[in-house]
N, C-alpha and C. Protein backbone atom coordinates (compact mmCIF):
# COMPACT_ATOMS: atom_id res chain seq x y z
N MET A 1 7.65 0.07 8.50
CA MET A 1 6.54 0.38 8.58
C MET A 1 5.49 -0.82 8.13
N LYS A 2 4.28 -0.85 8.61
CA LYS A 2 3.55 -1.89 8.24
C LYS A 2 2.10 -1.43 8.11
N VAL A 3 1.30 -2.09 7.23
CA VAL A 3 -0.10 -2.12 7.25
C VAL A 3 -0.90 -2.46 8.51
N LYS A 4 -1.60 -1.62 9.23
CA LYS A 4 -2.47 -2.06 10.23
C LYS A 4 -3.43 -3.15 9.75
N GLU A 5 -3.42 -4.24 10.81
CA GLU A 5 -3.89 -5.35 10.42
C GLU A 5 -5.44 -5.34 10.11
N GLU A 6 -6.16 -4.38 10.43
CA GLU A 6 -7.55 -4.26 10.22
C GLU A 6 -7.88 -3.75 8.70
N PHE A 7 -6.92 -3.36 7.89
CA PHE A 7 -7.09 -2.95 6.52
C PHE A 7 -6.57 -4.04 5.56
N VAL A 8 -7.52 -4.38 4.63
CA VAL A 8 -7.44 -5.70 3.96
C VAL A 8 -7.77 -5.14 2.46
N ILE A 9 -7.25 -5.92 1.48
CA ILE A 9 -7.61 -5.81 -0.10
C ILE A 9 -9.00 -6.49 -0.12
N ARG A 10 -9.86 -6.09 -0.97
CA ARG A 10 -10.95 -6.80 -1.37
C ARG A 10 -11.18 -6.45 -2.93
N GLU A 11 -11.45 -7.53 -3.69
CA GLU A 11 -11.82 -7.24 -5.11
C GLU A 11 -13.27 -6.77 -5.12
N VAL A 12 -13.50 -5.89 -5.97
CA VAL A 12 -14.99 -5.38 -6.22
C VAL A 12 -15.03 -5.10 -7.49
N ALA A 13 -15.89 -5.68 -8.05
CA ALA A 13 -15.99 -5.50 -9.74
C ALA A 13 -14.82 -5.23 -10.43
N GLY A 14 -13.95 -6.23 -10.14
CA GLY A 14 -12.30 -6.25 -10.74
C GLY A 14 -11.58 -5.30 -10.36
N GLU A 15 -11.74 -4.56 -9.32
CA GLU A 15 -10.84 -3.48 -8.77
C GLU A 15 -10.55 -3.87 -7.40
N ASN A 16 -9.15 -3.74 -7.01
CA ASN A 16 -8.72 -3.86 -5.84
C ASN A 16 -8.85 -2.72 -4.95
N ILE A 17 -9.64 -2.84 -3.82
CA ILE A 17 -10.02 -1.76 -3.00
C ILE A 17 -9.55 -2.18 -1.40
N VAL A 18 -9.00 -1.19 -1.06
CA VAL A 18 -8.59 -1.25 0.50
C VAL A 18 -9.82 -0.89 1.44
N VAL A 19 -10.11 -1.81 2.09
CA VAL A 19 -11.27 -1.64 3.13
C VAL A 19 -10.78 -2.03 4.54
N SER A 20 -11.72 -1.45 5.77
CA SER A 20 -11.29 -1.61 6.95
C SER A 20 -12.20 -2.89 7.56
N THR A 21 -11.59 -3.56 8.36
CA THR A 21 -12.38 -4.71 9.09
C THR A 21 -12.94 -4.41 10.36
N ASP A 22 -12.52 -3.06 10.84
CA ASP A 22 -12.80 -2.49 12.23
C ASP A 22 -13.89 -1.61 12.10
N ALA A 23 -14.86 -1.65 12.65
CA ALA A 23 -15.87 -0.70 12.73
C ALA A 23 -15.32 0.60 13.39
N LYS A 24 -14.46 0.51 14.28
CA LYS A 24 -13.93 1.58 14.77
C LYS A 24 -12.78 2.40 13.98
N ALA A 25 -12.61 2.10 12.98
CA ALA A 25 -11.61 2.85 11.97
C ALA A 25 -12.47 4.15 11.44
N VAL A 26 -12.99 5.05 12.10
CA VAL A 26 -13.55 6.16 11.57
C VAL A 26 -12.77 7.03 11.01
N ASN A 27 -11.54 7.03 11.17
CA ASN A 27 -10.73 7.93 10.51
C ASN A 27 -10.40 7.48 9.06
N PHE A 28 -11.04 6.46 8.69
CA PHE A 28 -10.74 6.08 7.27
C PHE A 28 -11.97 6.49 6.40
N SER A 29 -11.50 7.66 5.75
CA SER A 29 -12.73 8.26 4.86
C SER A 29 -12.48 7.77 3.35
N GLY A 30 -13.51 7.61 2.54
CA GLY A 30 -13.34 7.46 1.25
C GLY A 30 -12.86 5.94 1.19
N MET A 31 -12.43 5.69 -0.11
CA MET A 31 -11.97 4.24 -0.66
C MET A 31 -10.59 4.60 -1.23
N LEU A 32 -9.96 3.63 -1.21
CA LEU A 32 -8.58 3.50 -1.85
C LEU A 32 -8.57 2.55 -2.74
N VAL A 33 -8.63 2.67 -3.88
CA VAL A 33 -8.54 1.71 -5.29
C VAL A 33 -7.10 1.83 -5.64
N LEU A 34 -6.64 0.35 -5.48
CA LEU A 34 -5.27 0.22 -5.71
C LEU A 34 -4.98 -0.32 -7.33
N ASN A 35 -3.77 0.03 -8.04
CA ASN A 35 -3.76 -0.57 -9.18
C ASN A 35 -2.87 -1.78 -8.90
N GLY A 36 -2.25 -2.33 -10.03
CA GLY A 36 -1.29 -3.51 -9.93
C GLY A 36 -0.09 -3.27 -8.98
N THR A 37 0.64 -2.12 -9.07
CA THR A 37 1.58 -1.74 -8.33
C THR A 37 1.21 -1.46 -6.72
N GLY A 38 0.28 -0.79 -6.68
CA GLY A 38 -0.28 -0.38 -5.22
C GLY A 38 -0.46 -1.63 -4.48
N THR A 39 -1.11 -2.76 -5.33
CA THR A 39 -1.60 -3.99 -4.64
C THR A 39 -0.23 -4.83 -4.38
N PHE A 40 0.60 -4.67 -5.15
CA PHE A 40 2.09 -5.34 -4.73
C PHE A 40 2.73 -4.76 -3.54
N LEU A 41 2.62 -3.54 -3.57
CA LEU A 41 3.43 -2.81 -2.36
C LEU A 41 2.54 -3.13 -1.24
N PHE A 42 1.39 -2.95 -1.25
CA PHE A 42 0.41 -3.28 -0.09
C PHE A 42 0.52 -4.55 0.37
N ASN A 43 0.63 -5.64 -0.32
CA ASN A 43 0.92 -7.02 0.09
C ASN A 43 2.24 -7.23 0.86
N LEU A 44 3.38 -6.36 0.23
CA LEU A 44 4.61 -6.51 0.87
C LEU A 44 4.69 -5.96 2.32
N MET A 45 3.74 -4.95 2.31
CA MET A 45 3.74 -4.11 3.57
C MET A 45 2.49 -4.99 4.63
N GLN A 46 2.27 -5.90 4.41
CA GLN A 46 1.71 -7.06 5.45
C GLN A 46 2.84 -7.36 6.69
N LYS A 47 3.96 -7.15 6.41
CA LYS A 47 5.15 -7.38 7.37
C LYS A 47 5.60 -6.13 7.66
N ASP A 48 6.39 -5.96 8.57
CA ASP A 48 7.17 -4.76 8.86
C ASP A 48 8.26 -4.59 7.64
N VAL A 49 8.27 -3.57 6.85
CA VAL A 49 9.32 -3.55 5.91
C VAL A 49 9.80 -1.77 5.81
N SER A 50 10.93 -1.80 5.19
CA SER A 50 11.31 -0.38 4.90
C SER A 50 11.16 0.09 3.54
N VAL A 51 11.24 1.17 3.57
CA VAL A 51 11.12 2.03 2.09
C VAL A 51 12.25 1.31 1.11
N ASP A 52 13.46 1.21 1.57
CA ASP A 52 14.41 0.59 0.74
C ASP A 52 14.19 -0.78 0.24
N TYR A 53 13.50 -1.53 1.10
CA TYR A 53 13.02 -2.95 0.73
C TYR A 53 11.96 -2.89 -0.50
N LEU A 54 10.91 -1.99 -0.11
CA LEU A 54 10.06 -1.62 -1.33
C LEU A 54 10.68 -1.33 -2.57
N VAL A 55 11.45 -0.33 -2.45
CA VAL A 55 12.21 -0.16 -3.60
C VAL A 55 12.95 -1.16 -4.55
N ASP A 56 13.58 -2.06 -3.73
CA ASP A 56 14.28 -3.17 -4.23
C ASP A 56 13.36 -4.19 -4.94
N GLU A 57 12.31 -4.53 -4.25
CA GLU A 57 11.23 -5.41 -4.67
C GLU A 57 10.43 -4.80 -5.94
N LEU A 58 10.32 -3.43 -5.97
CA LEU A 58 9.53 -2.65 -7.02
C LEU A 58 10.42 -2.94 -8.36
N MET A 59 11.86 -2.67 -8.13
CA MET A 59 12.71 -2.71 -9.07
C MET A 59 12.79 -4.12 -9.77
N LYS A 60 12.72 -5.19 -9.05
CA LYS A 60 13.12 -6.45 -9.31
C LYS A 60 11.66 -6.73 -10.24
N LYS A 61 10.48 -6.49 -9.49
CA LYS A 61 9.16 -7.11 -10.36
C LYS A 61 9.06 -6.24 -11.56
N TYR A 62 9.15 -4.93 -11.60
CA TYR A 62 8.70 -4.04 -12.72
C TYR A 62 9.97 -3.38 -13.55
N GLU A 63 11.07 -3.79 -13.30
CA GLU A 63 12.45 -3.59 -13.96
C GLU A 63 12.34 -2.17 -14.32
N VAL A 64 12.20 -1.25 -13.25
CA VAL A 64 12.32 0.39 -13.26
C VAL A 64 13.69 0.65 -12.64
N ASP A 65 14.03 1.78 -13.01
CA ASP A 65 15.07 2.48 -12.24
C ASP A 65 14.71 2.83 -10.58
N GLU A 66 15.80 3.12 -10.13
CA GLU A 66 15.77 3.33 -8.72
C GLU A 66 15.10 4.56 -8.14
N LYS A 67 15.27 5.58 -9.15
CA LYS A 67 14.75 6.86 -8.70
C LYS A 67 13.16 6.71 -9.09
N SER A 68 12.78 6.30 -10.02
CA SER A 68 11.40 5.99 -10.44
C SER A 68 10.66 5.30 -9.20
N ALA A 69 11.41 4.02 -8.95
CA ALA A 69 10.86 3.26 -7.99
C ALA A 69 10.74 3.96 -6.65
N ARG A 70 11.74 4.54 -6.32
CA ARG A 70 11.65 5.28 -4.83
C ARG A 70 10.55 6.45 -4.89
N LEU A 71 10.48 7.19 -5.87
CA LEU A 71 9.30 8.07 -6.03
C LEU A 71 8.14 7.60 -5.95
N ASP A 72 7.83 6.46 -6.55
CA ASP A 72 6.47 5.73 -6.37
C ASP A 72 6.39 5.17 -4.99
N CYS A 73 7.23 4.57 -4.59
CA CYS A 73 7.14 4.04 -3.12
C CYS A 73 6.80 5.25 -2.18
N LEU A 74 7.68 6.12 -2.27
CA LEU A 74 7.29 7.13 -1.17
C LEU A 74 5.92 7.93 -1.43
N ALA A 75 5.65 8.09 -2.76
CA ALA A 75 3.98 8.61 -2.89
C ALA A 75 3.15 7.77 -2.35
N PHE A 76 3.11 6.27 -2.67
CA PHE A 76 2.21 5.29 -1.94
C PHE A 76 2.25 5.23 -0.60
N VAL A 77 3.54 5.23 0.00
CA VAL A 77 3.78 5.29 1.58
C VAL A 77 3.03 6.65 2.04
N ASN A 78 3.21 7.68 1.49
CA ASN A 78 2.49 8.93 1.96
C ASN A 78 0.95 8.74 1.99
N LYS A 79 0.55 8.15 1.04
CA LYS A 79 -0.80 8.04 0.67
C LYS A 79 -1.56 7.16 1.80
N LEU A 80 -0.79 6.19 2.25
CA LEU A 80 -1.29 5.28 3.25
C LEU A 80 -1.08 6.08 4.45
N LYS A 81 -0.13 6.74 4.68
CA LYS A 81 -0.03 7.59 5.94
C LYS A 81 -1.01 8.51 6.06
N GLU A 82 -1.55 9.26 5.04
CA GLU A 82 -2.55 10.31 4.93
C GLU A 82 -3.84 9.65 5.28
N LYS A 83 -4.18 8.46 4.97
CA LYS A 83 -5.25 7.62 5.11
C LYS A 83 -5.15 7.00 6.55
N ASN A 84 -4.03 7.16 7.41
CA ASN A 84 -4.06 6.26 8.64
C ASN A 84 -4.08 4.91 8.27
N ILE A 85 -3.31 4.21 7.57
CA ILE A 85 -3.47 2.90 7.17
C ILE A 85 -2.35 2.07 7.67
N LEU A 86 -1.20 3.09 8.14
CA LEU A 86 0.08 2.19 8.64
C LEU A 86 0.31 2.47 10.13
N GLU A 87 0.81 1.40 10.73
CA GLU A 87 1.24 1.22 12.13
C GLU A 87 2.23 2.29 12.39
């Protein structure tokens, strides 16, 4: 899975926000504000990656257990799917 190329992170007032660079992205309603973990995962997803890869990278970066990392990754991926941000 990979983030669609028209979605990028912009820093606004010290917060990382996902925005669309494509005026046709009418399905993207609201805004998505990312914390540090979300920003880290979003950046990894600029290329096609698996959930297992995201889990491994999250465990390395934040020294969390696999169960917690997997739950966080799945919740994040589901949010991106809900917002139609993934290819």
